[in-house]
Amino acid sequence: SVEYETSLGEYTEASEGFEYAIIDISTTNGTDEELSVSTLLQMEAKDELGFSYSPSITAMSQLDREYPQGSPLGPGEERRGKVVYEVPTEADELYWMFEFGIFVDGYKVFWQLR
């Protein structure tokens, strides 16, 4: 699911013309090996013009359920949390992208947020 806000917490405001897209994600390791998942290296938001947006570290620090990344996902393990992107309010189309390979060109999947 995705929610949109212009502020998070007392001190975190989106820039003028921008809003926060807060995406609730869940990942499952369907392999028999440990997997690392990185919000900075494997996830981004994109708009219909092709501009990319990285997770907002400042905004994520204000969440009560930030996506946890401190340890690898074990075989069969599921992990859930939220990731935040500062995106233009006028973007008609917005997508969330997950890239399965970190250090090589991997398989990418896109989900339309709006």
C-alpha atoms as a PDB file:
ATOM      1  CA  SER A   1       0.000   0.000   0.000  1.00  0.00           C
ATOM      2  CA  VAL A   2       1.060   3.622  -0.383  1.00  0.00           C
ATOM      3  CA  GLU A   3       0.189   6.787   1.541  1.00  0.00           C
ATOM      4  CA  TYR A   4       1.064  10.391   0.681  1.00  0.00           C
ATOM      5  CA  GLU A   5       1.992  13.062   3.255  1.00  0.00           C
ATOM      6  CA  THR A   6       3.619  16.506   3.129  1.00  0.00           C
ATOM      7  CA  SER A   7       5.166  16.193   6.596  1.00  0.00           C
ATOM      8  CA  LEU A   8       6.398  13.416   8.848  1.00  0.00           C
ATOM      9  CA  GLY A   9       6.977  14.096  12.493  1.00  0.00           C
ATOM     10  CA  GLU A  10       7.584  17.535  13.923  1.00  0.00           C
ATOM     11  CA  TYR A  11      10.691  18.450  11.911  1.00  0.00           C
ATOM     12  CA  THR A  12      10.404  16.682   8.539  1.00  0.00           C
ATOM     13  CA  GLU A  13       8.641  18.643   5.794  1.00  0.00           C
ATOM     14  CA  ALA A  14       8.648  17.816   2.086  1.00  0.00           C
ATOM     15  CA  SER A  15      10.119  20.504  -0.166  1.00  0.00           C
ATOM     16  CA  GLU A  16       7.691  22.841  -1.926  1.00  0.00           C
ATOM     17  CA  GLY A  17       6.037  21.001  -4.830  1.00  0.00           C
ATOM     18  CA  PHE A  18       6.915  17.616  -3.333  1.00  0.00           C
ATOM     19  CA  GLU A  19       5.261  15.086  -1.050  1.00  0.00           C
ATOM     20  CA  TYR A  20       6.312  11.898   0.692  1.00  0.00           C
ATOM     21  CA  ALA A  21       5.235   8.598  -0.835  1.00  0.00           C
ATOM     22  CA  ILE A  22       5.251   6.099   2.047  1.00  0.00           C
ATOM     23  CA  ILE A  23       5.268   2.560   0.690  1.00  0.00           C
ATOM     24  CA  ASP A  24       4.496  -0.443   2.902  1.00  0.00           C
ATOM     25  CA  ILE A  25       6.543  -3.340   1.498  1.00  0.00           C
ATOM     26  CA  SER A  26       7.073  -6.990   2.290  1.00  0.00           C
ATOM     27  CA  THR A  27       9.938  -9.154   1.028  1.00  0.00           C
ATOM     28  CA  THR A  28      10.250 -12.928   1.253  1.00  0.00           C
ATOM     29  CA  ASN A  29      13.384 -14.974   0.672  1.00  0.00           C
ATOM     30  CA  GLY A  30      12.225 -17.873  -1.501  1.00  0.00           C
ATOM     31  CA  THR A  31      15.705 -19.386  -1.799  1.00  0.00           C
ATOM     32  CA  ASP A  32      17.754 -21.727   0.379  1.00  0.00           C
ATOM     33  CA  GLU A  33      20.478 -19.088   0.929  1.00  0.00           C
ATOM     34  CA  GLU A  34      20.660 -15.864   2.938  1.00  0.00           C
ATOM     35  CA  LEU A  35      19.828 -12.718   0.944  1.00  0.00           C
ATOM     36  CA  SER A  36      20.621  -9.095   1.666  1.00  0.00           C
ATOM     37  CA  VAL A  37      18.040  -6.456   0.758  1.00  0.00           C
ATOM     38  CA  SER A  38      19.048  -2.793   0.501  1.00  0.00           C
ATOM     39  CA  THR A  39      16.578   0.076   0.219  1.00  0.00           C
ATOM     40  CA  LEU A  40      19.305   2.363  -1.167  1.00  0.00           C
ATOM     41  CA  LEU A  41      20.811  -0.041  -3.717  1.00  0.00           C
ATOM     42  CA  GLN A  42      17.767  -2.044  -4.852  1.00  0.00           C
ATOM     43  CA  MET A  43      14.722   0.238  -4.511  1.00  0.00           C
ATOM     44  CA  GLU A  44      13.678   3.516  -6.088  1.00  0.00           C
ATOM     45  CA  ALA A  45      10.640   5.483  -7.149  1.00  0.00           C
ATOM     46  CA  LYS A  46      10.247   6.701 -10.752  1.00  0.00           C
ATOM     47  CA  ASP A  47       7.855   9.115 -12.381  1.00  0.00           C
ATOM     48  CA  GLU A  48       6.356   9.119 -15.872  1.00  0.00           C
ATOM     49  CA  LEU A  49       9.157  11.397 -17.117  1.00  0.00           C
ATOM     50  CA  GLY A  50      11.788   8.834 -16.141  1.00  0.00           C
ATOM     51  CA  PHE A  51      13.177  10.713 -13.131  1.00  0.00           C
ATOM     52  CA  SER A  52      14.329   8.465 -10.271  1.00  0.00           C
ATOM     53  CA  TYR A  53      13.991   9.144  -6.548  1.00  0.00           C
ATOM     54  CA  SER A  54      16.038   7.449  -3.821  1.00  0.00           C
ATOM     55  CA  PRO A  55      14.638   6.691  -0.375  1.00  0.00           C
ATOM     56  CA  SER A  56      14.582   9.691   1.966  1.00  0.00           C
ATOM     57  CA  ILE A  57      16.754   8.724   4.936  1.00  0.00           C
ATOM     58  CA  THR A  58      15.568  11.745   6.932  1.00  0.00           C
ATOM     59  CA  ALA A  59      11.898  10.941   6.360  1.00  0.00           C
ATOM     60  CA  MET A  60      12.375   7.216   7.071  1.00  0.00           C
ATOM     61  CA  SER A  61      13.846   8.087  10.475  1.00  0.00           C
ATOM     62  CA  GLN A  62      10.397   9.496  11.384  1.00  0.00           C
ATOM     63  CA  LEU A  63       8.530   6.249  10.672  1.00  0.00           C
ATOM     64  CA  ASP A  64       7.313   3.854  13.329  1.00  0.00           C
ATOM     65  CA  ARG A  65       7.780   0.846  10.998  1.00  0.00           C
ATOM     66  CA  GLU A  66      10.844   1.564   8.827  1.00  0.00           C
ATOM     67  CA  TYR A  67      11.902  -1.370   6.623  1.00  0.00           C
ATOM     68  CA  PRO A  68      14.598  -3.202   8.672  1.00  0.00           C
ATOM     69  CA  GLN A  69      17.853  -3.916   6.839  1.00  0.00           C
ATOM     70  CA  GLY A  70      20.402  -4.706   9.536  1.00  0.00           C
ATOM     71  CA  SER A  71      20.740  -8.408   8.774  1.00  0.00           C
ATOM     72  CA  PRO A  72      20.268 -10.752   5.800  1.00  0.00           C
ATOM     73  CA  LEU A  73      16.957 -12.512   5.178  1.00  0.00           C
ATOM     74  CA  GLY A  74      17.249 -16.188   6.037  1.00  0.00           C
ATOM     75  CA  PRO A  75      15.786 -18.916   3.813  1.00  0.00           C
ATOM     76  CA  GLY A  76      11.972 -18.610   3.849  1.00  0.00           C
ATOM     77  CA  GLU A  77      12.091 -15.475   6.024  1.00  0.00           C
ATOM     78  CA  GLU A  78       9.686 -12.584   5.425  1.00  0.00           C
ATOM     79  CA  ARG A  79      10.369  -8.946   6.319  1.00  0.00           C
ATOM     80  CA  ARG A  80       7.941  -6.020   6.270  1.00  0.00           C
ATOM     81  CA  GLY A  81       8.304  -2.274   6.747  1.00  0.00           C
ATOM     82  CA  LYS A  82       7.932   1.134   5.129  1.00  0.00           C
ATOM     83  CA  VAL A  83      10.144   3.039   2.696  1.00  0.00           C
ATOM     84  CA  VAL A  84       9.722   6.779   1.992  1.00  0.00           C
ATOM     85  CA  TYR A  85      10.441   8.777  -1.173  1.00  0.00           C
ATOM     86  CA  GLU A  86      10.146  12.532  -1.698  1.00  0.00           C
ATOM     87  CA  VAL A  87       8.369  12.809  -5.060  1.00  0.00           C
ATOM     88  CA  PRO A  88       6.784  15.652  -7.092  1.00  0.00           C
ATOM     89  CA  THR A  89       3.152  16.260  -6.225  1.00  0.00           C
ATOM     90  CA  GLU A  90       2.351  16.878  -9.913  1.00  0.00           C
ATOM     91  CA  ALA A  91       3.619  13.454 -11.050  1.00  0.00           C
ATOM     92  CA  ASP A  92       0.580  11.790 -12.625  1.00  0.00           C
ATOM     93  CA  GLU A  93       2.252   8.390 -12.769  1.00  0.00           C
ATOM     94  CA  LEU A  94       4.520   7.062 -10.070  1.00  0.00           C
ATOM     95  CA  TYR A  95       6.194   3.652  -9.922  1.00  0.00           C
ATOM     96  CA  TRP A  96       8.167   1.721  -7.324  1.00  0.00           C
ATOM     97  CA  MET A  97      11.057  -0.372  -8.636  1.00  0.00           C
ATOM     98  CA  PHE A  98      12.861  -3.297  -7.022  1.00  0.00           C
ATOM     99  CA  GLU A  99      16.069  -4.624  -8.580  1.00  0.00           C
ATOM    100  CA  PHE A 100      16.905  -8.192  -7.610  1.00  0.00           C
ATOM    101  CA  GLY A 101      20.661  -7.964  -8.335  1.00  0.00           C
ATOM    102  CA  ILE A 102      22.723  -5.485  -6.311  1.00  0.00           C
ATOM    103  CA  PHE A 103      26.134  -5.464  -8.007  1.00  0.00           C
ATOM    104  CA  VAL A 104      25.173  -6.771 -11.452  1.00  0.00           C
ATOM    105  CA  ASP A 105      22.357  -5.779 -13.772  1.00  0.00           C
ATOM    106  CA  GLY A 106      19.564  -7.801 -12.300  1.00  0.00           C
ATOM    107  CA  TYR A 107      15.938  -8.414 -12.974  1.00  0.00           C
ATOM    108  CA  LYS A 108      13.817  -5.313 -12.224  1.00  0.00           C
ATOM    109  CA  VAL A 109      10.131  -5.269 -11.336  1.00  0.00           C
ATOM    110  CA  PHE A 110       7.938  -2.156 -11.370  1.00  0.00           C
ATOM    111  CA  TRP A 111       4.695  -1.565  -9.458  1.00  0.00           C
ATOM    112  CA  GLN A 112       2.484   1.399 -10.297  1.00  0.00           C
ATOM    113  CA  LEU A 113       1.726   3.526  -7.239  1.00  0.00           C
ATOM    114  CA  ARG A 114      -0.539   6.025  -9.038  1.00  0.00           C
END
